[in-house]
mmCIF file of all heavy atoms, coordinates in Angstrom:
data_MODEL
# 
_entry.id   MODEL 
# 
loop_
_atom_site.group_PDB 
_atom_site.id 
_atom_site.type_symbol 
_atom_site.label_atom_id 
_atom_site.label_alt_id 
_atom_site.label_comp_id 
_atom_site.label_asym_id 
_atom_site.label_entity_id 
_atom_site.label_seq_id 
_atom_site.pdbx_PDB_ins_code 
_atom_site.Cartn_x 
_atom_site.Cartn_y 
_atom_site.Cartn_z 
_atom_site.occupancy 
_atom_site.B_iso_or_equiv 
_atom_site.pdbx_formal_charge 
_atom_site.auth_seq_id 
_atom_site.auth_comp_id 
_atom_site.auth_asym_id 
_atom_site.auth_atom_id 
_atom_site.pdbx_PDB_model_num 
ATOM 1   N N   . LEU A 1 1  ? -2.660 -13.788 -0.850  1.00 0.00 ? 1  LEU A N   1 
ATOM 2   C CA  . LEU A 1 1  ? -1.627 -13.621 0.167   1.00 0.00 ? 1  LEU A CA  1 
ATOM 3   C C   . LEU A 1 1  ? -0.747 -12.413 -0.136  1.00 0.00 ? 1  LEU A C   1 
ATOM 4   O O   . LEU A 1 1  ? -0.424 -11.625 0.752   1.00 0.00 ? 1  LEU A O   1 
ATOM 5   C CB  . LEU A 1 1  ? -0.774 -14.884 0.257   1.00 0.00 ? 1  LEU A CB  1 
ATOM 6   C CG  . LEU A 1 1  ? -1.451 -16.125 0.849   1.00 0.00 ? 1  LEU A CG  1 
ATOM 7   C CD1 . LEU A 1 1  ? -0.536 -17.342 0.704   1.00 0.00 ? 1  LEU A CD1 1 
ATOM 8   C CD2 . LEU A 1 1  ? -1.801 -15.910 2.309   1.00 0.00 ? 1  LEU A CD2 1 
ATOM 9   N N   . VAL A 1 2  ? -0.340 -12.270 -1.402  1.00 0.00 ? 2  VAL A N   1 
ATOM 10  C CA  . VAL A 1 2  ? 0.486  -11.132 -1.795  1.00 0.00 ? 2  VAL A CA  1 
ATOM 11  C C   . VAL A 1 2  ? -0.281 -9.823  -1.596  1.00 0.00 ? 2  VAL A C   1 
ATOM 12  O O   . VAL A 1 2  ? 0.245  -8.853  -1.045  1.00 0.00 ? 2  VAL A O   1 
ATOM 13  C CB  . VAL A 1 2  ? 0.957  -11.261 -3.252  1.00 0.00 ? 2  VAL A CB  1 
ATOM 14  C CG1 . VAL A 1 2  ? 1.703  -10.000 -3.687  1.00 0.00 ? 2  VAL A CG1 1 
ATOM 15  C CG2 . VAL A 1 2  ? 1.852  -12.478 -3.418  1.00 0.00 ? 2  VAL A CG2 1 
ATOM 16  N N   . SER A 1 3  ? -1.540 -9.810  -2.037  1.00 0.00 ? 3  SER A N   1 
ATOM 17  C CA  . SER A 1 3  ? -2.354 -8.600  -1.905  1.00 0.00 ? 3  SER A CA  1 
ATOM 18  C C   . SER A 1 3  ? -2.555 -8.221  -0.448  1.00 0.00 ? 3  SER A C   1 
ATOM 19  O O   . SER A 1 3  ? -2.436 -7.050  -0.069  1.00 0.00 ? 3  SER A O   1 
ATOM 20  C CB  . SER A 1 3  ? -3.713 -8.804  -2.582  1.00 0.00 ? 3  SER A CB  1 
ATOM 21  O OG  . SER A 1 3  ? -3.559 -9.031  -3.967  1.00 0.00 ? 3  SER A OG  1 
ATOM 22  N N   . ARG A 1 4  ? -2.859 -9.217  0.372   1.00 0.00 ? 4  ARG A N   1 
ATOM 23  C CA  . ARG A 1 4  ? -3.072 -8.956  1.794   1.00 0.00 ? 4  ARG A CA  1 
ATOM 24  C C   . ARG A 1 4  ? -1.778 -8.462  2.435   1.00 0.00 ? 4  ARG A C   1 
ATOM 25  O O   . ARG A 1 4  ? -1.778 -7.508  3.226   1.00 0.00 ? 4  ARG A O   1 
ATOM 26  C CB  . ARG A 1 4  ? -3.568 -10.213 2.498   1.00 0.00 ? 4  ARG A CB  1 
ATOM 27  C CG  . ARG A 1 4  ? -4.031 -9.976  3.941   1.00 0.00 ? 4  ARG A CG  1 
ATOM 28  C CD  . ARG A 1 4  ? -4.513 -11.256 4.586   1.00 0.00 ? 4  ARG A CD  1 
ATOM 29  N NE  . ARG A 1 4  ? -5.520 -11.918 3.786   1.00 0.00 ? 4  ARG A NE  1 
ATOM 30  C CZ  . ARG A 1 4  ? -5.378 -13.133 3.265   1.00 0.00 ? 4  ARG A CZ  1 
ATOM 31  N NH1 . ARG A 1 4  ? -4.274 -13.815 3.460   1.00 0.00 ? 4  ARG A NH1 1 
ATOM 32  N NH2 . ARG A 1 4  ? -6.351 -13.667 2.553   1.00 0.00 ? 4  ARG A NH2 1 
ATOM 33  N N   . GLY A 1 5  ? -0.653 -9.122  2.089   1.00 0.00 ? 5  GLY A N   1 
ATOM 34  C CA  . GLY A 1 5  ? 0.626  -8.683  2.631   1.00 0.00 ? 5  GLY A CA  1 
ATOM 35  C C   . GLY A 1 5  ? 0.985  -7.283  2.182   1.00 0.00 ? 5  GLY A C   1 
ATOM 36  O O   . GLY A 1 5  ? 1.511  -6.481  2.958   1.00 0.00 ? 5  GLY A O   1 
ATOM 37  N N   . LEU A 1 6  ? 0.686  -6.965  0.923   1.00 0.00 ? 6  LEU A N   1 
ATOM 38  C CA  . LEU A 1 6  ? 0.972  -5.642  0.394   1.00 0.00 ? 6  LEU A CA  1 
ATOM 39  C C   . LEU A 1 6  ? 0.156  -4.579  1.110   1.00 0.00 ? 6  LEU A C   1 
ATOM 40  O O   . LEU A 1 6  ? 0.694  -3.567  1.576   1.00 0.00 ? 6  LEU A O   1 
ATOM 41  C CB  . LEU A 1 6  ? 0.684  -5.605  -1.111  1.00 0.00 ? 6  LEU A CB  1 
ATOM 42  C CG  . LEU A 1 6  ? 0.828  -4.242  -1.804  1.00 0.00 ? 6  LEU A CG  1 
ATOM 43  C CD1 . LEU A 1 6  ? 2.258  -3.737  -1.693  1.00 0.00 ? 6  LEU A CD1 1 
ATOM 44  C CD2 . LEU A 1 6  ? 0.397  -4.337  -3.269  1.00 0.00 ? 6  LEU A CD2 1 
ATOM 45  N N   . VAL A 1 7  ? -1.148 -4.802  1.222   1.00 0.00 ? 7  VAL A N   1 
ATOM 46  C CA  . VAL A 1 7  ? -2.016 -3.814  1.860   1.00 0.00 ? 7  VAL A CA  1 
ATOM 47  C C   . VAL A 1 7  ? -1.660 -3.659  3.338   1.00 0.00 ? 7  VAL A C   1 
ATOM 48  O O   . VAL A 1 7  ? -1.615 -2.539  3.865   1.00 0.00 ? 7  VAL A O   1 
ATOM 49  C CB  . VAL A 1 7  ? -3.497 -4.192  1.682   1.00 0.00 ? 7  VAL A CB  1 
ATOM 50  C CG1 . VAL A 1 7  ? -4.382 -3.204  2.431   1.00 0.00 ? 7  VAL A CG1 1 
ATOM 51  C CG2 . VAL A 1 7  ? -3.869 -4.200  0.203   1.00 0.00 ? 7  VAL A CG2 1 
ATOM 52  N N   . ASP A 1 8  ? -1.391 -4.770  4.024   1.00 0.00 ? 8  ASP A N   1 
ATOM 53  C CA  . ASP A 1 8  ? -1.010 -4.691  5.440   1.00 0.00 ? 8  ASP A CA  1 
ATOM 54  C C   . ASP A 1 8  ? 0.277  -3.898  5.606   1.00 0.00 ? 8  ASP A C   1 
ATOM 55  O O   . ASP A 1 8  ? 0.428  -3.120  6.557   1.00 0.00 ? 8  ASP A O   1 
ATOM 56  C CB  . ASP A 1 8  ? -0.836 -6.096  6.023   1.00 0.00 ? 8  ASP A CB  1 
ATOM 57  C CG  . ASP A 1 8  ? -2.171 -6.813  6.241   1.00 0.00 ? 8  ASP A CG  1 
ATOM 58  O OD1 . ASP A 1 8  ? -3.210 -6.130  6.227   1.00 0.00 ? 8  ASP A OD1 1 
ATOM 59  O OD2 . ASP A 1 8  ? -2.153 -8.045  6.409   1.00 0.00 ? 8  ASP A OD2 1 
ATOM 60  N N   . SER A 1 9  ? 1.215  -4.087  4.688   1.00 0.00 ? 9  SER A N   1 
ATOM 61  C CA  . SER A 1 9  ? 2.461  -3.328  4.736   1.00 0.00 ? 9  SER A CA  1 
ATOM 62  C C   . SER A 1 9  ? 2.202  -1.844  4.502   1.00 0.00 ? 9  SER A C   1 
ATOM 63  O O   . SER A 1 9  ? 2.717  -0.985  5.231   1.00 0.00 ? 9  SER A O   1 
ATOM 64  C CB  . SER A 1 9  ? 3.443  -3.861  3.688   1.00 0.00 ? 9  SER A CB  1 
ATOM 65  O OG  . SER A 1 9  ? 4.559  -3.008  3.566   1.00 0.00 ? 9  SER A OG  1 
ATOM 66  N N   . LEU A 1 10 ? 1.384  -1.540  3.493   1.00 0.00 ? 10 LEU A N   1 
ATOM 67  C CA  . LEU A 1 10 ? 1.117  -0.141  3.167   1.00 0.00 ? 10 LEU A CA  1 
ATOM 68  C C   . LEU A 1 10 ? 0.388  0.588   4.292   1.00 0.00 ? 10 LEU A C   1 
ATOM 69  O O   . LEU A 1 10 ? 0.544  1.801   4.458   1.00 0.00 ? 10 LEU A O   1 
ATOM 70  C CB  . LEU A 1 10 ? 0.299  -0.062  1.874   1.00 0.00 ? 10 LEU A CB  1 
ATOM 71  C CG  . LEU A 1 10 ? 1.019  -0.552  0.610   1.00 0.00 ? 10 LEU A CG  1 
ATOM 72  C CD1 . LEU A 1 10 ? 0.097  -0.460  -0.596  1.00 0.00 ? 10 LEU A CD1 1 
ATOM 73  C CD2 . LEU A 1 10 ? 2.295  0.246   0.368   1.00 0.00 ? 10 LEU A CD2 1 
ATOM 74  N N   . LYS A 1 11 ? -0.380 -0.142  5.071   1.00 0.00 ? 11 LYS A N   1 
ATOM 75  C CA  . LYS A 1 11 ? -1.060 0.467   6.220   1.00 0.00 ? 11 LYS A CA  1 
ATOM 76  C C   . LYS A 1 11 ? -0.051 0.976   7.238   1.00 0.00 ? 11 LYS A C   1 
ATOM 77  O O   . LYS A 1 11 ? -0.326 1.914   7.979   1.00 0.00 ? 11 LYS A O   1 
ATOM 78  C CB  . LYS A 1 11 ? -2.012 -0.540  6.869   1.00 0.00 ? 11 LYS A CB  1 
ATOM 79  C CG  . LYS A 1 11 ? -3.241 -0.856  6.023   1.00 0.00 ? 11 LYS A CG  1 
ATOM 80  C CD  . LYS A 1 11 ? -4.021 -2.027  6.578   1.00 0.00 ? 11 LYS A CD  1 
ATOM 81  C CE  . LYS A 1 11 ? -4.642 -1.741  7.909   1.00 0.00 ? 11 LYS A CE  1 
ATOM 82  N NZ  . LYS A 1 11 ? -5.497 -2.861  8.380   1.00 0.00 ? 11 LYS A NZ  1 
ATOM 83  N N   . ASP A 1 12 ? 1.134  0.334   7.291   1.00 0.00 ? 12 ASP A N   1 
ATOM 84  C CA  . ASP A 1 12 ? 2.152  0.718   8.265   1.00 0.00 ? 12 ASP A CA  1 
ATOM 85  C C   . ASP A 1 12 ? 3.221  1.626   7.676   1.00 0.00 ? 12 ASP A C   1 
ATOM 86  O O   . ASP A 1 12 ? 4.124  2.058   8.390   1.00 0.00 ? 12 ASP A O   1 
ATOM 87  C CB  . ASP A 1 12 ? 2.824  -0.543  8.832   1.00 0.00 ? 12 ASP A CB  1 
ATOM 88  C CG  . ASP A 1 12 ? 1.864  -1.396  9.646   1.00 0.00 ? 12 ASP A CG  1 
ATOM 89  O OD1 . ASP A 1 12 ? 0.941  -0.825  10.251  1.00 0.00 ? 12 ASP A OD1 1 
ATOM 90  O OD2 . ASP A 1 12 ? 2.026  -2.635  9.667   1.00 0.00 ? 12 ASP A OD2 1 
ATOM 91  N N   . VAL A 1 13 ? 3.142  1.895   6.371   1.00 0.00 ? 13 VAL A N   1 
ATOM 92  C CA  . VAL A 1 13 ? 4.109  2.790   5.730   1.00 0.00 ? 13 VAL A CA  1 
ATOM 93  C C   . VAL A 1 13 ? 3.697  4.241   5.977   1.00 0.00 ? 13 VAL A C   1 
ATOM 94  O O   . VAL A 1 13 ? 2.532  4.599   5.783   1.00 0.00 ? 13 VAL A O   1 
ATOM 95  C CB  . VAL A 1 13 ? 4.187  2.509   4.213   1.00 0.00 ? 13 VAL A CB  1 
ATOM 96  C CG1 . VAL A 1 13 ? 5.026  3.580   3.508   1.00 0.00 ? 13 VAL A CG1 1 
ATOM 97  C CG2 . VAL A 1 13 ? 4.797  1.135   3.965   1.00 0.00 ? 13 VAL A CG2 1 
ATOM 98  N N   . ARG A 1 14 ? 4.649  5.072   6.376   1.00 0.00 ? 14 ARG A N   1 
ATOM 99  C CA  . ARG A 1 14 ? 4.340  6.479   6.658   1.00 0.00 ? 14 ARG A CA  1 
ATOM 100 C C   . ARG A 1 14 ? 4.309  7.301   5.367   1.00 0.00 ? 14 ARG A C   1 
ATOM 101 O O   . ARG A 1 14 ? 4.940  8.332   5.229   1.00 0.00 ? 14 ARG A O   1 
ATOM 102 C CB  . ARG A 1 14 ? 5.349  7.049   7.661   1.00 0.00 ? 14 ARG A CB  1 
ATOM 103 C CG  . ARG A 1 14 ? 5.164  6.495   9.059   1.00 0.00 ? 14 ARG A CG  1 
ATOM 104 C CD  . ARG A 1 14 ? 6.154  7.046   10.063  1.00 0.00 ? 14 ARG A CD  1 
ATOM 105 N NE  . ARG A 1 14 ? 7.508  6.596   9.807   1.00 0.00 ? 14 ARG A NE  1 
ATOM 106 C CZ  . ARG A 1 14 ? 8.482  7.353   9.341   1.00 0.00 ? 14 ARG A CZ  1 
ATOM 107 N NH1 . ARG A 1 14 ? 8.261  8.624   9.057   1.00 0.00 ? 14 ARG A NH1 1 
ATOM 108 N NH2 . ARG A 1 14 ? 9.693  6.864   9.141   1.00 0.00 ? 14 ARG A NH2 1 
ATOM 109 N N   . LEU A 1 15 ? 3.559  6.784   4.413   1.00 0.00 ? 15 LEU A N   1 
ATOM 110 C CA  . LEU A 1 15 ? 3.213  7.459   3.165   1.00 0.00 ? 15 LEU A CA  1 
ATOM 111 C C   . LEU A 1 15 ? 1.778  7.064   2.859   1.00 0.00 ? 15 LEU A C   1 
ATOM 112 O O   . LEU A 1 15 ? 1.303  6.020   3.338   1.00 0.00 ? 15 LEU A O   1 
ATOM 113 C CB  . LEU A 1 15 ? 4.129  7.020   2.021   1.00 0.00 ? 15 LEU A CB  1 
ATOM 114 C CG  . LEU A 1 15 ? 5.621  7.379   2.123   1.00 0.00 ? 15 LEU A CG  1 
ATOM 115 C CD1 . LEU A 1 15 ? 6.410  6.654   1.044   1.00 0.00 ? 15 LEU A CD1 1 
ATOM 116 C CD2 . LEU A 1 15 ? 5.836  8.885   2.015   1.00 0.00 ? 15 LEU A CD2 1 
ATOM 117 N N   . ASN A 1 16 ? 1.084  7.842   2.077   1.00 0.00 ? 16 ASN A N   1 
ATOM 118 C CA  . ASN A 1 16 ? -0.335 7.590   1.832   1.00 0.00 ? 16 ASN A CA  1 
ATOM 119 C C   . ASN A 1 16 ? -0.615 7.287   0.364   1.00 0.00 ? 16 ASN A C   1 
ATOM 120 O O   . ASN A 1 16 ? -0.144 7.997   -0.524  1.00 0.00 ? 16 ASN A O   1 
ATOM 121 C CB  . ASN A 1 16 ? -1.176 8.796   2.279   1.00 0.00 ? 16 ASN A CB  1 
ATOM 122 C CG  . ASN A 1 16 ? -1.088 9.035   3.771   1.00 0.00 ? 16 ASN A CG  1 
ATOM 123 O OD1 . ASN A 1 16 ? -1.209 8.100   4.559   1.00 0.00 ? 16 ASN A OD1 1 
ATOM 124 N ND2 . ASN A 1 16 ? -0.866 10.272  4.169   1.00 0.00 ? 16 ASN A ND2 1 
ATOM 125 N N   . ALA A 1 17 ? -1.384 6.208   0.134   1.00 0.00 ? 17 ALA A N   1 
ATOM 126 C CA  . ALA A 1 17 ? -1.824 5.877   -1.216  1.00 0.00 ? 17 ALA A CA  1 
ATOM 127 C C   . ALA A 1 17 ? -2.688 7.018   -1.737  1.00 0.00 ? 17 ALA A C   1 
ATOM 128 O O   . ALA A 1 17 ? -3.628 7.448   -1.087  1.00 0.00 ? 17 ALA A O   1 
ATOM 129 C CB  . ALA A 1 17 ? -2.623 4.570   -1.198  1.00 0.00 ? 17 ALA A CB  1 
ATOM 130 N N   . GLY A 1 18 ? -2.369 7.488   -2.900  1.00 0.00 ? 18 GLY A N   1 
ATOM 131 C CA  . GLY A 1 18 ? -3.075 8.629   -3.481  1.00 0.00 ? 18 GLY A CA  1 
ATOM 132 C C   . GLY A 1 18 ? -2.155 9.821   -3.560  1.00 0.00 ? 18 GLY A C   1 
ATOM 133 O O   . GLY A 1 18 ? -1.603 10.125  -4.628  1.00 0.00 ? 18 GLY A O   1 
ATOM 134 N N   . PRO A 1 19 ? -1.925 10.509  -2.447  1.00 0.00 ? 19 PRO A N   1 
ATOM 135 C CA  . PRO A 1 19 ? -1.028 11.671  -2.495  1.00 0.00 ? 19 PRO A CA  1 
ATOM 136 C C   . PRO A 1 19 ? 0.423  11.311  -2.794  1.00 0.00 ? 19 PRO A C   1 
ATOM 137 O O   . PRO A 1 19 ? 1.128  12.064  -3.469  1.00 0.00 ? 19 PRO A O   1 
ATOM 138 C CB  . PRO A 1 19 ? -1.159 12.270  -1.082  1.00 0.00 ? 19 PRO A CB  1 
ATOM 139 C CG  . PRO A 1 19 ? -2.445 11.744  -0.544  1.00 0.00 ? 19 PRO A CG  1 
ATOM 140 C CD  . PRO A 1 19 ? -2.612 10.385  -1.155  1.00 0.00 ? 19 PRO A CD  1 
ATOM 141 N N   . ASP A 1 20 ? 0.886  10.144  -2.299  1.00 0.00 ? 20 ASP A N   1 
ATOM 142 C CA  . ASP A 1 20 ? 2.306  9.806   -2.398  1.00 0.00 ? 20 ASP A CA  1 
ATOM 143 C C   . ASP A 1 20 ? 2.619  8.723   -3.432  1.00 0.00 ? 20 ASP A C   1 
ATOM 144 O O   . ASP A 1 20 ? 3.742  8.671   -3.946  1.00 0.00 ? 20 ASP A O   1 
ATOM 145 C CB  . ASP A 1 20 ? 2.825  9.352   -1.030  1.00 0.00 ? 20 ASP A CB  1 
ATOM 146 C CG  . ASP A 1 20 ? 2.748  10.453  0.010   1.00 0.00 ? 20 ASP A CG  1 
ATOM 147 O OD1 . ASP A 1 20 ? 3.096  11.602  -0.327  1.00 0.00 ? 20 ASP A OD1 1 
ATOM 148 O OD2 . ASP A 1 20 ? 2.319  10.174  1.147   1.00 0.00 ? 20 ASP A OD2 1 
ATOM 149 N N   . TYR A 1 21 ? 1.693  7.841   -3.725  1.00 0.00 ? 21 TYR A N   1 
ATOM 150 C CA  . TYR A 1 21 ? 1.939  6.773   -4.688  1.00 0.00 ? 21 TYR A CA  1 
ATOM 151 C C   . TYR A 1 21 ? 0.612  6.185   -5.146  1.00 0.00 ? 21 TYR A C   1 
ATOM 152 O O   . TYR A 1 21 ? -0.435 6.402   -4.522  1.00 0.00 ? 21 TYR A O   1 
ATOM 153 C CB  . TYR A 1 21 ? 2.810  5.658   -4.075  1.00 0.00 ? 21 TYR A CB  1 
ATOM 154 C CG  . TYR A 1 21 ? 2.174  4.986   -2.871  1.00 0.00 ? 21 TYR A CG  1 
ATOM 155 C CD1 . TYR A 1 21 ? 1.325  3.899   -3.015  1.00 0.00 ? 21 TYR A CD1 1 
ATOM 156 C CD2 . TYR A 1 21 ? 2.430  5.445   -1.582  1.00 0.00 ? 21 TYR A CD2 1 
ATOM 157 C CE1 . TYR A 1 21 ? 0.726  3.299   -1.929  1.00 0.00 ? 21 TYR A CE1 1 
ATOM 158 C CE2 . TYR A 1 21 ? 1.844  4.854   -0.483  1.00 0.00 ? 21 TYR A CE2 1 
ATOM 159 C CZ  . TYR A 1 21 ? 0.994  3.774   -0.657  1.00 0.00 ? 21 TYR A CZ  1 
ATOM 160 O OH  . TYR A 1 21 ? 0.401  3.192   0.437   1.00 0.00 ? 21 TYR A OH  1 
ATOM 161 N N   . ASP A 1 22 ? 0.654  5.448   -6.267  1.00 0.00 ? 22 ASP A N   1 
ATOM 162 C CA  . ASP A 1 22 ? -0.504 4.726   -6.777  1.00 0.00 ? 22 ASP A CA  1 
ATOM 163 C C   . ASP A 1 22 ? -0.206 3.232   -6.773  1.00 0.00 ? 22 ASP A C   1 
ATOM 164 O O   . ASP A 1 22 ? 0.958  2.816   -6.731  1.00 0.00 ? 22 ASP A O   1 
ATOM 165 C CB  . ASP A 1 22 ? -0.851 5.168   -8.200  1.00 0.00 ? 22 ASP A CB  1 
ATOM 166 C CG  . ASP A 1 22 ? -1.624 6.479   -8.229  1.00 0.00 ? 22 ASP A CG  1 
ATOM 167 O OD1 . ASP A 1 22 ? -2.187 6.849   -7.180  1.00 0.00 ? 22 ASP A OD1 1 
ATOM 168 O OD2 . ASP A 1 22 ? -1.651 7.129   -9.281  1.00 0.00 ? 22 ASP A OD2 1 
ATOM 169 N N   . VAL A 1 23 ? -1.262 2.425   -6.833  1.00 0.00 ? 23 VAL A N   1 
ATOM 170 C CA  . VAL A 1 23 ? -1.137 0.972   -6.907  1.00 0.00 ? 23 VAL A CA  1 
ATOM 171 C C   . VAL A 1 23 ? -1.869 0.493   -8.157  1.00 0.00 ? 23 VAL A C   1 
ATOM 172 O O   . VAL A 1 23 ? -3.038 0.825   -8.354  1.00 0.00 ? 23 VAL A O   1 
ATOM 173 C CB  . VAL A 1 23 ? -1.719 0.276   -5.667  1.00 0.00 ? 23 VAL A CB  1 
ATOM 174 C CG1 . VAL A 1 23 ? -1.526 -1.240  -5.772  1.00 0.00 ? 23 VAL A CG1 1 
ATOM 175 C CG2 . VAL A 1 23 ? -1.075 0.804   -4.391  1.00 0.00 ? 23 VAL A CG2 1 
ATOM 176 N N   . VAL A 1 24 ? -1.177 -0.275  -9.005  1.00 0.00 ? 24 VAL A N   1 
ATOM 177 C CA  . VAL A 1 24 ? -1.774 -0.854  -10.209 1.00 0.00 ? 24 VAL A CA  1 
ATOM 178 C C   . VAL A 1 24 ? -1.693 -2.368  -10.102 1.00 0.00 ? 24 VAL A C   1 
ATOM 179 O O   . VAL A 1 24 ? -0.611 -2.922  -9.888  1.00 0.00 ? 24 VAL A O   1 
ATOM 180 C CB  . VAL A 1 24 ? -1.065 -0.378  -11.489 1.00 0.00 ? 24 VAL A CB  1 
ATOM 181 C CG1 . VAL A 1 24 ? -1.607 -1.119  -12.710 1.00 0.00 ? 24 VAL A CG1 1 
ATOM 182 C CG2 . VAL A 1 24 ? -1.232 1.125   -11.668 1.00 0.00 ? 24 VAL A CG2 1 
ATOM 183 N N   . PHE A 1 25 ? -2.839 -3.031  -10.212 1.00 0.00 ? 25 PHE A N   1 
ATOM 184 C CA  . PHE A 1 25 ? -2.904 -4.495  -10.186 1.00 0.00 ? 25 PHE A CA  1 
ATOM 185 C C   . PHE A 1 25 ? -3.351 -4.935  -11.576 1.00 0.00 ? 25 PHE A C   1 
ATOM 186 O O   . PHE A 1 25 ? -4.460 -4.659  -11.999 1.00 0.00 ? 25 PHE A O   1 
ATOM 187 C CB  . PHE A 1 25 ? -3.898 -4.954  -9.124  1.00 0.00 ? 25 PHE A CB  1 
ATOM 188 C CG  . PHE A 1 25 ? -3.899 -6.449  -8.870  1.00 0.00 ? 25 PHE A CG  1 
ATOM 189 C CD1 . PHE A 1 25 ? -4.202 -6.946  -7.620  1.00 0.00 ? 25 PHE A CD1 1 
ATOM 190 C CD2 . PHE A 1 25 ? -3.617 -7.377  -9.862  1.00 0.00 ? 25 PHE A CD2 1 
ATOM 191 C CE1 . PHE A 1 25 ? -4.220 -8.315  -7.354  1.00 0.00 ? 25 PHE A CE1 1 
ATOM 192 C CE2 . PHE A 1 25 ? -3.621 -8.739  -9.629  1.00 0.00 ? 25 PHE A CE2 1 
ATOM 193 C CZ  . PHE A 1 25 ? -3.926 -9.210  -8.369  1.00 0.00 ? 25 PHE A CZ  1 
# 
């Protein structure tokens, strides 16, 4: 649930995973 909520949120954030931030699980 947390992972799905996180990814769904990041899809709507006007920043991009990779160029702007990283994710560590």
